[in-house]
N, C-alpha and C. Protein backbone atom coordinates (compact mmCIF):
# COMPACT_ATOMS: atom_id res chain seq x y z
N MET A 1 33.78 46.82 40.71
CA MET A 1 34.97 47.65 40.76
C MET A 1 34.72 48.84 39.80
N LEU A 2 35.26 50.00 40.13
CA LEU A 2 35.09 51.26 39.30
C LEU A 2 36.20 51.32 38.18
N HIS A 3 35.74 51.80 37.09
CA HIS A 3 36.67 51.97 35.95
C HIS A 3 36.30 53.30 35.19
N LYS A 4 37.27 54.01 34.71
CA LYS A 4 37.11 55.16 33.85
C LYS A 4 37.14 54.70 32.38
N THR A 5 36.30 55.18 31.60
CA THR A 5 36.33 54.87 30.26
C THR A 5 35.53 55.92 29.39
N ARG A 6 35.96 56.05 28.08
CA ARG A 6 35.13 56.84 27.25
C ARG A 6 33.99 55.97 26.66
N GLY A 7 32.98 56.60 26.17
CA GLY A 7 31.86 55.81 25.62
C GLY A 7 31.12 56.62 24.56
N ILE A 8 30.42 55.89 23.75
CA ILE A 8 29.58 56.48 22.70
C ILE A 8 28.18 55.90 22.85
N VAL A 9 27.27 56.74 23.03
CA VAL A 9 25.80 56.32 23.23
C VAL A 9 25.30 55.67 21.95
N PHE A 10 24.87 54.46 21.96
CA PHE A 10 24.25 53.91 20.76
C PHE A 10 22.68 54.13 20.84
N ARG A 11 22.05 53.90 21.97
CA ARG A 11 20.66 54.05 22.01
C ARG A 11 20.24 53.98 23.52
N PHE A 12 19.02 54.46 23.79
CA PHE A 12 18.49 54.19 25.17
C PHE A 12 16.99 53.79 25.05
N THR A 13 16.51 53.08 25.96
CA THR A 13 15.17 52.45 25.99
C THR A 13 14.56 52.79 27.30
N PRO A 14 13.35 53.40 27.22
CA PRO A 14 12.65 53.64 28.58
C PRO A 14 12.48 52.40 29.30
N TYR A 15 12.56 52.57 30.67
CA TYR A 15 12.41 51.47 31.56
C TYR A 15 11.68 51.87 32.80
N GLY A 16 10.64 51.18 33.13
CA GLY A 16 9.82 51.62 34.28
C GLY A 16 9.18 53.00 34.12
N GLU A 17 8.94 53.65 35.11
CA GLU A 17 8.30 54.95 35.09
C GLU A 17 9.23 56.11 34.80
N SER A 18 10.49 56.02 35.26
CA SER A 18 11.32 57.12 35.09
C SER A 18 12.81 56.79 34.60
N SER A 19 13.13 55.48 34.42
CA SER A 19 14.46 55.14 34.07
C SER A 19 14.66 54.89 32.69
N ILE A 20 15.93 54.56 32.24
CA ILE A 20 16.28 54.18 30.93
C ILE A 20 17.39 53.07 30.96
N ILE A 21 17.35 52.21 30.04
CA ILE A 21 18.48 51.31 29.83
C ILE A 21 19.26 51.95 28.65
N LEU A 22 20.57 52.18 29.10
CA LEU A 22 21.41 52.88 28.10
C LEU A 22 22.41 51.87 27.48
N ASN A 23 22.41 51.87 26.15
CA ASN A 23 23.41 51.03 25.44
C ASN A 23 24.68 51.92 25.02
N VAL A 24 25.81 51.60 25.50
CA VAL A 24 27.03 52.40 25.28
C VAL A 24 28.11 51.52 24.74
N PHE A 25 28.77 52.08 23.63
CA PHE A 25 30.02 51.29 23.26
C PHE A 25 31.14 51.94 23.97
N THR A 26 31.75 51.22 24.77
CA THR A 26 32.90 51.77 25.73
C THR A 26 34.27 51.32 25.15
N GLU A 27 35.25 52.09 25.36
CA GLU A 27 36.63 51.77 24.80
C GLU A 27 37.17 50.67 25.84
N ALA A 28 36.71 50.60 27.03
CA ALA A 28 37.23 49.58 27.94
C ALA A 28 36.61 48.24 27.79
N PHE A 29 35.29 48.26 27.65
CA PHE A 29 34.61 47.00 27.69
C PHE A 29 33.73 46.60 26.41
N GLY A 30 33.77 47.40 25.45
CA GLY A 30 32.94 47.22 24.18
C GLY A 30 31.54 47.70 24.55
N LEU A 31 30.54 46.91 23.91
CA LEU A 31 29.17 47.26 24.08
C LEU A 31 28.57 46.86 25.41
N GLN A 32 28.14 47.83 26.22
CA GLN A 32 27.55 47.54 27.51
C GLN A 32 26.18 48.23 27.69
N SER A 33 25.43 47.62 28.68
CA SER A 33 24.12 48.16 29.04
C SER A 33 24.17 48.69 30.48
N TYR A 34 23.51 49.92 30.71
CA TYR A 34 23.61 50.49 32.02
C TYR A 34 22.18 51.05 32.30
N ILE A 35 21.75 50.91 33.49
CA ILE A 35 20.49 51.45 33.89
C ILE A 35 20.69 52.82 34.63
N VAL A 36 19.99 53.83 34.10
CA VAL A 36 20.06 55.21 34.66
C VAL A 36 18.62 55.52 35.23
N ASN A 37 18.62 55.77 36.54
CA ASN A 37 17.35 55.99 37.10
C ASN A 37 16.97 57.46 37.18
N SER A 38 15.63 57.77 37.22
CA SER A 38 15.05 59.05 37.51
C SER A 38 15.52 60.18 36.52
N VAL A 39 15.57 59.84 35.19
CA VAL A 39 15.96 60.88 34.19
C VAL A 39 14.70 61.10 33.34
N ARG A 40 13.63 60.50 33.59
CA ARG A 40 12.41 60.80 32.77
C ARG A 40 11.34 61.47 33.59
N THR A 41 11.76 62.02 34.72
CA THR A 41 10.74 62.85 35.54
C THR A 41 10.77 64.22 35.05
N LYS A 42 9.72 65.01 35.41
CA LYS A 42 9.78 66.43 35.02
C LYS A 42 10.84 67.24 35.47
N SER A 43 11.31 66.89 36.72
CA SER A 43 12.31 67.79 37.34
C SER A 43 13.79 67.42 36.87
N ASN A 44 13.88 66.17 36.25
CA ASN A 44 15.13 65.79 35.72
C ASN A 44 15.17 65.59 34.23
N ARG A 45 14.14 66.02 33.56
CA ARG A 45 14.07 65.87 32.13
C ARG A 45 15.25 66.40 31.30
N SER A 46 15.88 67.47 31.82
CA SER A 46 17.10 68.04 31.11
C SER A 46 18.27 67.07 31.13
N LYS A 47 18.30 66.23 32.10
CA LYS A 47 19.42 65.28 32.30
C LYS A 47 19.54 64.33 31.17
N ILE A 48 18.43 64.02 30.50
CA ILE A 48 18.37 62.93 29.52
C ILE A 48 19.10 63.39 28.22
N ALA A 49 19.35 64.63 28.12
CA ALA A 49 20.02 65.18 27.00
C ALA A 49 21.41 64.56 26.67
N ILE A 50 22.10 64.24 27.82
CA ILE A 50 23.43 63.68 27.70
C ILE A 50 23.40 62.21 27.21
N TYR A 51 22.23 61.56 27.23
CA TYR A 51 22.13 60.18 26.79
C TYR A 51 21.57 60.06 25.44
N GLN A 52 21.50 61.13 24.55
CA GLN A 52 21.00 61.00 23.25
C GLN A 52 22.04 60.25 22.41
N PRO A 53 21.47 59.44 21.37
CA PRO A 53 22.39 58.70 20.54
C PRO A 53 23.54 59.48 19.93
N LEU A 54 24.75 58.85 19.98
CA LEU A 54 26.00 59.33 19.49
C LEU A 54 26.63 60.36 20.37
N THR A 55 26.03 60.66 21.54
CA THR A 55 26.74 61.59 22.49
C THR A 55 28.03 60.87 22.98
N LEU A 56 29.10 61.63 22.97
CA LEU A 56 30.46 61.13 23.37
C LEU A 56 30.62 61.44 24.85
N LEU A 57 30.85 60.39 25.60
CA LEU A 57 30.85 60.46 27.04
C LEU A 57 32.21 60.13 27.67
N ASP A 58 32.59 60.78 28.85
CA ASP A 58 33.55 60.32 29.79
C ASP A 58 32.80 59.72 30.92
N MET A 59 33.16 58.53 31.28
CA MET A 59 32.32 57.79 32.27
C MET A 59 33.26 57.13 33.41
N VAL A 60 32.63 57.03 34.59
CA VAL A 60 33.21 56.20 35.60
C VAL A 60 32.08 55.19 35.92
N VAL A 61 32.28 53.97 35.70
CA VAL A 61 31.28 52.93 35.72
C VAL A 61 31.62 51.79 36.67
N TYR A 62 30.58 51.10 37.18
CA TYR A 62 30.80 49.91 37.93
C TYR A 62 30.83 48.77 36.87
N HIS A 63 31.83 47.87 36.97
CA HIS A 63 31.90 46.87 35.97
C HIS A 63 32.13 45.48 36.65
N LYS A 64 31.40 44.51 36.28
CA LYS A 64 31.61 43.12 36.75
C LYS A 64 31.37 42.27 35.51
N GLU A 65 32.42 41.35 35.30
CA GLU A 65 32.43 40.47 34.21
C GLU A 65 31.12 39.58 34.14
N ASN A 66 30.45 39.51 33.00
CA ASN A 66 29.26 38.66 32.78
C ASN A 66 28.13 39.14 33.45
N ALA A 67 28.13 40.34 33.97
CA ALA A 67 26.82 41.01 34.52
C ALA A 67 26.02 41.54 33.36
N GLY A 68 24.78 41.57 33.52
CA GLY A 68 23.90 41.97 32.47
C GLY A 68 23.77 43.54 32.30
N ILE A 69 23.25 44.13 33.28
CA ILE A 69 23.10 45.60 33.22
C ILE A 69 23.86 46.17 34.47
N MET A 70 24.63 47.13 34.24
CA MET A 70 25.42 47.80 35.22
C MET A 70 24.93 49.24 35.41
N ARG A 71 25.79 49.99 36.30
CA ARG A 71 25.46 51.20 36.70
C ARG A 71 26.54 52.27 36.44
N ILE A 72 26.27 53.51 36.23
CA ILE A 72 27.28 54.53 36.03
C ILE A 72 27.34 55.40 37.25
N LYS A 73 28.55 55.58 37.72
CA LYS A 73 28.79 56.46 38.91
C LYS A 73 28.87 57.93 38.55
N GLU A 74 29.70 58.20 37.50
CA GLU A 74 29.85 59.57 37.05
C GLU A 74 29.74 59.62 35.55
N VAL A 75 29.22 60.66 34.99
CA VAL A 75 29.16 60.82 33.53
C VAL A 75 29.27 62.30 33.24
N SER A 76 29.93 62.49 32.04
CA SER A 76 30.02 63.93 31.52
C SER A 76 30.16 63.78 29.97
N CYS A 77 29.79 64.90 29.34
CA CYS A 77 30.02 64.89 27.82
C CYS A 77 31.50 65.20 27.55
N SER A 78 32.11 64.41 26.77
CA SER A 78 33.53 64.59 26.52
C SER A 78 33.75 65.54 25.37
N TYR A 79 32.69 65.68 24.47
CA TYR A 79 32.90 66.63 23.30
C TYR A 79 31.42 67.12 23.00
N ALA A 80 31.29 68.37 22.99
CA ALA A 80 29.94 69.05 22.70
C ALA A 80 29.84 69.28 21.28
N TYR A 81 28.90 68.65 20.59
CA TYR A 81 28.79 68.90 19.07
C TYR A 81 28.36 70.36 18.83
N LYS A 82 29.01 70.89 17.75
CA LYS A 82 28.74 72.30 17.41
C LYS A 82 27.70 72.35 16.20
N THR A 83 27.87 71.34 15.26
CA THR A 83 26.98 71.37 14.10
C THR A 83 26.20 70.10 13.83
N LEU A 84 26.62 69.02 14.44
CA LEU A 84 26.04 67.66 14.07
C LEU A 84 24.55 67.64 14.36
N THR A 85 24.12 68.36 15.34
CA THR A 85 22.65 68.24 15.69
C THR A 85 21.90 69.41 15.10
N THR A 86 22.48 70.34 14.41
CA THR A 86 21.82 71.49 13.86
C THR A 86 21.81 71.59 12.34
N ASP A 87 22.94 71.08 11.76
CA ASP A 87 23.02 70.97 10.24
C ASP A 87 22.19 69.81 9.80
N HIS A 88 21.19 70.01 8.94
CA HIS A 88 20.28 68.94 8.55
C HIS A 88 21.00 67.82 7.76
N VAL A 89 22.04 68.16 6.97
CA VAL A 89 22.76 67.12 6.28
C VAL A 89 23.55 66.24 7.26
N LYS A 90 24.26 66.82 8.19
CA LYS A 90 25.08 66.17 9.14
C LYS A 90 24.20 65.35 10.10
N SER A 91 23.04 65.84 10.52
CA SER A 91 22.12 65.18 11.44
C SER A 91 21.51 63.93 10.70
N SER A 92 21.25 64.02 9.45
CA SER A 92 20.70 62.98 8.71
C SER A 92 21.76 61.85 8.55
N LEU A 93 22.92 62.28 8.22
CA LEU A 93 24.11 61.30 8.27
C LEU A 93 24.33 60.58 9.69
N ALA A 94 24.21 61.43 10.72
CA ALA A 94 24.34 60.84 12.05
C ALA A 94 23.20 59.75 12.38
N ILE A 95 22.04 60.11 11.95
CA ILE A 95 20.92 59.12 12.23
C ILE A 95 21.17 57.83 11.48
N PHE A 96 21.57 57.93 10.21
CA PHE A 96 21.98 56.80 9.45
C PHE A 96 23.12 56.03 10.01
N LEU A 97 24.08 56.71 10.35
CA LEU A 97 25.27 55.92 10.87
C LEU A 97 24.98 55.29 12.22
N ASN A 98 24.14 55.95 13.00
CA ASN A 98 23.83 55.41 14.30
C ASN A 98 22.98 54.02 14.12
N GLU A 99 22.06 53.96 13.09
CA GLU A 99 21.40 52.84 12.84
C GLU A 99 22.24 51.68 12.43
N ILE A 100 23.29 52.10 11.49
CA ILE A 100 24.20 51.01 11.08
C ILE A 100 25.10 50.50 12.31
N LEU A 101 25.48 51.34 13.18
CA LEU A 101 26.30 50.99 14.28
C LEU A 101 25.53 50.05 15.23
N ASN A 102 24.30 50.44 15.50
CA ASN A 102 23.47 49.55 16.45
C ASN A 102 23.21 48.28 15.79
N LYS A 103 23.20 48.10 14.53
CA LYS A 103 22.93 46.71 13.86
C LYS A 103 24.16 45.93 13.56
N SER A 104 25.32 46.61 13.54
CA SER A 104 26.52 45.90 13.07
C SER A 104 27.55 45.67 14.17
N VAL A 105 27.56 46.50 15.17
CA VAL A 105 28.62 46.44 16.21
C VAL A 105 28.19 45.46 17.28
N ARG A 106 28.90 44.39 17.43
CA ARG A 106 28.51 43.36 18.43
C ARG A 106 29.74 42.95 19.23
N GLU A 107 30.90 42.82 18.51
CA GLU A 107 32.07 42.17 19.22
C GLU A 107 32.56 43.11 20.21
N GLN A 108 33.21 42.51 21.28
CA GLN A 108 33.90 43.23 22.37
C GLN A 108 35.45 43.34 22.10
N SER A 109 35.97 42.59 21.17
CA SER A 109 37.41 42.61 20.88
C SER A 109 37.65 43.89 20.17
N HIS A 110 38.93 44.30 20.32
CA HIS A 110 39.43 45.63 19.71
C HIS A 110 38.54 46.75 20.10
N ALA A 111 37.95 46.79 21.23
CA ALA A 111 36.98 47.77 21.68
C ALA A 111 37.69 49.26 21.64
N PHE A 112 38.91 49.30 22.16
CA PHE A 112 39.61 50.58 22.20
C PHE A 112 39.71 51.19 20.88
N GLU A 113 40.25 50.39 19.87
CA GLU A 113 40.51 50.80 18.49
C GLU A 113 39.20 51.25 17.83
N LEU A 114 38.12 50.49 18.02
CA LEU A 114 36.86 50.84 17.39
C LEU A 114 36.25 52.02 17.97
N CYS A 115 36.21 52.17 19.31
CA CYS A 115 35.70 53.33 20.02
C CYS A 115 36.51 54.53 19.53
N GLU A 116 37.84 54.47 19.39
CA GLU A 116 38.58 55.66 19.01
C GLU A 116 38.27 55.97 17.58
N PHE A 117 38.02 54.99 16.67
CA PHE A 117 37.66 55.36 15.33
C PHE A 117 36.27 56.04 15.21
N ILE A 118 35.25 55.45 15.98
CA ILE A 118 33.96 56.07 15.86
C ILE A 118 34.04 57.48 16.53
N HIS A 119 34.71 57.66 17.64
CA HIS A 119 34.80 58.95 18.34
C HIS A 119 35.45 59.95 17.51
N SER A 120 36.58 59.74 16.81
CA SER A 120 37.27 60.64 16.11
C SER A 120 36.58 60.96 14.80
N SER A 121 35.82 59.96 14.24
CA SER A 121 35.03 60.18 13.00
C SER A 121 33.94 61.12 13.26
N LEU A 122 33.20 60.97 14.36
CA LEU A 122 32.11 61.94 14.64
C LEU A 122 32.55 63.28 14.90
N VAL A 123 33.68 63.45 15.68
CA VAL A 123 34.24 64.74 15.87
C VAL A 123 34.61 65.40 14.52
N GLU A 124 35.25 64.63 13.63
CA GLU A 124 35.60 65.13 12.26
C GLU A 124 34.43 65.59 11.54
N LEU A 125 33.33 64.81 11.57
CA LEU A 125 32.11 65.20 10.89
C LEU A 125 31.61 66.51 11.40
N ASP A 126 31.55 66.61 12.67
CA ASP A 126 31.03 67.77 13.38
C ASP A 126 31.88 69.02 12.95
N GLU A 127 33.16 68.84 12.74
CA GLU A 127 34.02 69.99 12.57
C GLU A 127 34.21 70.26 11.04
N MET A 128 33.70 69.41 10.20
CA MET A 128 33.90 69.59 8.75
C MET A 128 33.30 70.92 8.31
N LYS A 129 33.97 71.71 7.47
CA LYS A 129 33.52 73.01 7.10
C LYS A 129 32.85 72.93 5.67
N GLY A 130 33.44 71.97 4.88
CA GLY A 130 32.99 71.86 3.45
C GLY A 130 31.88 70.84 3.32
N ARG A 131 31.77 70.40 2.03
CA ARG A 131 30.70 69.42 1.79
C ARG A 131 31.05 68.07 2.41
N CYS A 132 30.01 67.36 2.85
CA CYS A 132 30.20 66.03 3.64
C CYS A 132 29.19 64.99 3.03
N GLU A 133 28.70 65.15 1.83
CA GLU A 133 27.75 64.21 1.40
C GLU A 133 28.34 62.81 1.07
N ASN A 134 29.68 62.68 1.11
CA ASN A 134 30.35 61.33 0.84
C ASN A 134 30.86 60.76 2.15
N PHE A 135 30.66 61.44 3.27
CA PHE A 135 31.22 61.03 4.53
C PHE A 135 30.77 59.54 4.88
N HIS A 136 29.54 59.29 4.66
CA HIS A 136 28.98 58.02 5.14
C HIS A 136 29.57 56.86 4.34
N LEU A 137 29.86 57.09 3.08
CA LEU A 137 30.52 56.07 2.24
C LEU A 137 31.80 55.69 2.73
N THR A 138 32.66 56.77 3.03
CA THR A 138 34.02 56.41 3.59
C THR A 138 33.97 55.80 4.99
N PHE A 139 33.01 56.34 5.84
CA PHE A 139 32.84 55.77 7.22
C PHE A 139 32.58 54.24 7.10
N LEU A 140 31.60 53.93 6.21
CA LEU A 140 31.15 52.49 6.27
C LEU A 140 32.27 51.58 5.79
N LEU A 141 33.11 52.03 4.84
CA LEU A 141 34.17 51.30 4.32
C LEU A 141 35.26 51.15 5.40
N LYS A 142 35.59 52.19 6.10
CA LYS A 142 36.51 52.15 7.17
C LYS A 142 35.92 51.27 8.29
N LEU A 143 34.71 51.39 8.68
CA LEU A 143 34.07 50.66 9.81
C LEU A 143 34.16 49.15 9.46
N SER A 144 33.95 48.77 8.25
CA SER A 144 33.92 47.37 7.92
C SER A 144 35.30 46.76 8.26
N ARG A 145 36.36 47.45 8.26
CA ARG A 145 37.69 46.89 8.53
C ARG A 145 37.71 46.62 10.06
N TYR A 146 37.25 47.49 10.83
CA TYR A 146 37.23 47.31 12.27
C TYR A 146 36.35 46.10 12.71
N LEU A 147 35.28 45.82 11.84
CA LEU A 147 34.36 44.77 12.15
C LEU A 147 34.84 43.51 11.61
N GLY A 148 36.03 43.45 10.85
CA GLY A 148 36.58 42.22 10.46
C GLY A 148 36.23 41.73 9.13
N PHE A 149 35.50 42.51 8.28
CA PHE A 149 35.14 42.03 6.95
C PHE A 149 35.47 43.06 5.88
N GLY A 150 36.35 44.02 6.14
CA GLY A 150 36.48 45.09 5.22
C GLY A 150 37.18 44.59 3.87
N PRO A 151 36.65 45.20 2.80
CA PRO A 151 37.18 44.67 1.41
C PRO A 151 38.61 45.17 1.19
N ASN A 152 39.40 44.25 0.59
CA ASN A 152 40.81 44.61 0.19
C ASN A 152 40.74 45.35 -1.10
N ASN A 153 39.80 45.02 -1.93
CA ASN A 153 39.71 45.71 -3.29
C ASN A 153 38.32 45.59 -3.73
N THR A 154 38.06 46.32 -4.91
CA THR A 154 36.60 46.41 -5.27
C THR A 154 36.10 45.11 -5.87
N SER A 155 37.03 44.11 -6.23
CA SER A 155 36.52 42.84 -6.75
C SER A 155 35.59 42.12 -5.72
N GLU A 156 35.86 42.40 -4.46
CA GLU A 156 34.99 41.73 -3.43
C GLU A 156 33.60 42.22 -3.37
N MET A 157 33.36 43.41 -4.03
CA MET A 157 32.02 44.02 -4.14
C MET A 157 31.52 44.22 -5.51
N SER A 158 32.21 43.57 -6.50
CA SER A 158 31.85 43.75 -7.94
C SER A 158 30.47 43.32 -8.26
N ALA A 159 29.93 42.26 -7.50
CA ALA A 159 28.66 41.63 -7.86
C ALA A 159 27.51 42.76 -7.60
N TRP A 160 27.78 43.77 -6.85
CA TRP A 160 26.72 44.74 -6.58
C TRP A 160 26.95 46.14 -7.21
N LEU A 161 28.04 46.28 -8.06
CA LEU A 161 28.29 47.48 -8.68
C LEU A 161 27.69 47.58 -10.10
N ILE A 162 27.38 48.84 -10.45
CA ILE A 162 26.66 49.03 -11.68
C ILE A 162 27.49 49.08 -12.90
N ASN A 163 28.60 49.75 -12.84
CA ASN A 163 29.45 49.90 -13.99
C ASN A 163 30.81 50.20 -13.58
N SER A 164 31.77 50.33 -14.54
CA SER A 164 33.16 50.40 -14.35
C SER A 164 33.50 51.78 -13.66
N GLU A 165 32.74 52.89 -14.05
CA GLU A 165 33.01 54.13 -13.40
C GLU A 165 32.78 54.14 -11.98
N GLU A 166 31.66 53.54 -11.54
CA GLU A 166 31.33 53.45 -10.11
C GLU A 166 32.40 52.56 -9.39
N GLU A 167 32.83 51.54 -10.12
CA GLU A 167 33.91 50.69 -9.52
C GLU A 167 35.13 51.54 -9.27
N GLU A 168 35.48 52.37 -10.21
CA GLU A 168 36.74 53.27 -9.99
C GLU A 168 36.34 54.19 -8.77
N LEU A 169 35.19 54.74 -8.70
CA LEU A 169 34.94 55.62 -7.55
C LEU A 169 35.02 54.94 -6.27
N LEU A 170 34.49 53.69 -6.19
CA LEU A 170 34.62 52.82 -5.05
C LEU A 170 36.17 52.58 -4.65
N ARG A 171 36.90 52.32 -5.70
CA ARG A 171 38.38 52.07 -5.48
C ARG A 171 39.02 53.35 -4.78
N LEU A 172 38.55 54.56 -5.27
CA LEU A 172 39.15 55.74 -4.67
C LEU A 172 38.65 55.85 -3.22
N LEU A 173 37.36 55.58 -3.01
CA LEU A 173 36.81 55.65 -1.67
C LEU A 173 37.50 54.65 -0.61
N LEU A 174 37.96 53.53 -1.15
CA LEU A 174 38.61 52.55 -0.24
C LEU A 174 39.86 53.18 0.37
N ASN A 175 40.45 54.07 -0.35
CA ASN A 175 41.74 54.73 0.07
C ASN A 175 41.56 56.18 0.51
N ALA A 176 40.37 56.68 0.53
CA ALA A 176 40.08 58.08 0.84
C ALA A 176 40.05 58.39 2.26
N ASN A 177 40.38 59.66 2.59
CA ASN A 177 40.06 60.21 3.98
C ASN A 177 38.64 61.05 3.87
N TYR A 178 38.21 61.39 4.98
CA TYR A 178 36.80 62.06 4.94
C TYR A 178 36.90 63.42 4.12
N ASP A 179 37.98 64.02 4.07
CA ASP A 179 37.98 65.28 3.37
C ASP A 179 38.60 65.14 1.91
N THR A 180 38.81 63.90 1.52
CA THR A 180 39.33 63.75 0.11
C THR A 180 38.25 64.16 -0.89
N PRO A 181 38.60 65.18 -1.77
CA PRO A 181 37.56 65.59 -2.79
C PRO A 181 37.33 64.59 -3.88
N LEU A 182 36.15 64.11 -3.95
CA LEU A 182 35.72 63.14 -4.98
C LEU A 182 34.52 63.64 -5.69
N LYS A 183 34.53 63.62 -7.03
CA LYS A 183 33.39 64.06 -7.74
C LYS A 183 32.41 62.82 -7.97
N ILE A 184 31.32 62.81 -7.12
CA ILE A 184 30.29 61.70 -7.15
C ILE A 184 28.95 62.43 -7.28
N ASP A 185 28.27 62.01 -8.38
CA ASP A 185 26.93 62.60 -8.52
C ASP A 185 25.93 61.84 -7.64
N ASN A 186 24.72 62.28 -7.56
CA ASN A 186 23.70 61.72 -6.67
C ASN A 186 23.37 60.28 -7.04
N THR A 187 23.27 60.08 -8.40
CA THR A 187 22.96 58.63 -8.77
C THR A 187 24.03 57.68 -8.37
N GLN A 188 25.36 58.22 -8.68
CA GLN A 188 26.40 57.28 -8.31
C GLN A 188 26.51 57.08 -6.84
N ARG A 189 26.21 58.07 -6.05
CA ARG A 189 26.37 58.02 -4.62
C ARG A 189 25.33 56.97 -4.12
N ARG A 190 24.12 57.02 -4.67
CA ARG A 190 23.04 56.03 -4.32
C ARG A 190 23.48 54.67 -4.58
N ASN A 191 24.02 54.46 -5.77
CA ASN A 191 24.41 53.10 -6.24
C ASN A 191 25.54 52.57 -5.46
N ILE A 192 26.53 53.47 -5.14
CA ILE A 192 27.66 52.99 -4.38
C ILE A 192 27.18 52.61 -2.97
N LEU A 193 26.37 53.47 -2.42
CA LEU A 193 25.74 53.22 -1.03
C LEU A 193 25.02 51.83 -1.06
N ASP A 194 24.27 51.60 -2.06
CA ASP A 194 23.50 50.30 -2.15
C ASP A 194 24.50 49.15 -2.18
N SER A 195 25.61 49.29 -2.95
CA SER A 195 26.56 48.27 -3.05
C SER A 195 27.25 47.97 -1.72
N ILE A 196 27.52 49.05 -0.99
CA ILE A 196 28.16 48.87 0.38
C ILE A 196 27.15 48.26 1.28
N LEU A 197 25.98 48.56 1.21
CA LEU A 197 24.90 48.02 2.23
C LEU A 197 24.66 46.50 1.79
N HIS A 198 24.71 46.18 0.54
CA HIS A 198 24.61 44.76 0.11
C HIS A 198 25.78 43.95 0.70
N PHE A 199 27.00 44.62 0.57
CA PHE A 199 28.15 43.98 1.10
C PHE A 199 28.04 43.76 2.66
N TYR A 200 27.54 44.78 3.38
CA TYR A 200 27.34 44.70 4.80
C TYR A 200 26.34 43.52 5.17
N ALA A 201 25.30 43.58 4.33
CA ALA A 201 24.17 42.45 4.63
C ALA A 201 24.76 41.07 4.39
N ALA A 202 25.72 40.96 3.60
CA ALA A 202 26.33 39.53 3.44
C ALA A 202 27.19 39.16 4.55
N HIS A 203 27.39 40.10 5.46
CA HIS A 203 28.26 39.79 6.66
C HIS A 203 27.52 40.08 8.01
N VAL A 204 26.48 40.82 7.91
CA VAL A 204 25.80 41.29 9.21
C VAL A 204 24.35 40.73 9.06
N ASP A 205 23.92 39.76 9.85
CA ASP A 205 22.65 39.17 9.68
C ASP A 205 21.53 40.15 9.99
N ALA A 206 21.66 41.01 10.97
CA ALA A 206 20.62 41.84 11.45
C ALA A 206 20.49 43.18 10.67
N LEU A 207 21.24 43.32 9.60
CA LEU A 207 21.40 44.71 8.98
C LEU A 207 20.05 45.17 8.41
N ASN A 208 19.35 44.33 7.57
CA ASN A 208 18.26 44.77 6.85
C ASN A 208 16.95 44.56 7.78
N PRO A 209 15.91 45.58 7.53
CA PRO A 209 16.07 46.72 6.55
C PRO A 209 16.81 47.89 7.30
N VAL A 210 17.43 48.77 6.50
CA VAL A 210 18.02 49.99 7.06
C VAL A 210 16.93 51.06 6.82
N LYS A 211 16.26 51.37 7.82
CA LYS A 211 15.04 52.31 7.66
C LYS A 211 15.57 53.78 7.30
N SER A 212 16.62 54.19 7.96
CA SER A 212 16.96 55.65 7.75
C SER A 212 17.61 56.00 6.38
N VAL A 213 17.91 54.92 5.67
CA VAL A 213 18.47 55.17 4.25
C VAL A 213 17.65 55.98 3.37
N HIS A 214 16.23 55.82 3.49
CA HIS A 214 15.35 56.55 2.66
C HIS A 214 15.36 58.02 2.95
N VAL A 215 15.44 58.38 4.26
CA VAL A 215 15.52 59.82 4.67
C VAL A 215 16.86 60.42 4.23
N LEU A 216 17.90 59.67 4.30
CA LEU A 216 19.21 60.08 3.86
C LEU A 216 19.16 60.44 2.41
N ARG A 217 18.65 59.54 1.58
CA ARG A 217 18.60 59.76 0.17
C ARG A 217 17.83 61.06 -0.22
N GLU A 218 16.71 61.37 0.53
CA GLU A 218 15.95 62.52 0.26
C GLU A 218 16.74 63.85 0.57
N VAL A 219 17.52 63.69 1.68
CA VAL A 219 18.33 64.91 2.07
C VAL A 219 19.39 65.11 1.18
N LEU A 220 20.14 64.06 0.78
CA LEU A 220 21.35 64.22 -0.11
C LEU A 220 20.92 64.43 -1.60
N GLY A 221 19.67 64.12 -1.97
CA GLY A 221 19.28 64.30 -3.36
C GLY A 221 19.42 63.04 -4.17
């Protein structure tokens, strides 16, 4: 049966000589796998651009419950990024967030709400005009709530915090929006991120190691 759904590309894997297996988080069905044929040939190489990680899609898909790999009938980009792929800070944040999403998002429940959260967050990051070096901290804290283990207060993460000043910053982050101005220096940002990642690792078995965190730290300072 055919269904319309929005989706967010998590990753793709080469398959055979010219195909890919596409992993997409859809608002209708949660995390799904689709086979896309003939996109790795010389004549169709440009078509693979729409399947890059974190691309936001409008899709018409064939769906059958308990099927392993399905097919896409129609696909288009629902939002074209303006800065996410060209701004080196935003692109580094996107690579990091994509790795976290691939390792932590598994459940099919509340797919619509989770898809809407990820979709709107990526659009907001793309459209941000000011500084965005704290975006990933707020995103991870918000995401953890959708994944079912979000902290209610800083005491749930106190075992991994360095000092009371960082605990206060974390308290502010728990209630912050992406554009909330917070004065966090590079050392504090690294320590708070480490604390959040330790908290994630306690709930997500496949989280470690997070390879992209090292690149992110170099970019953010």
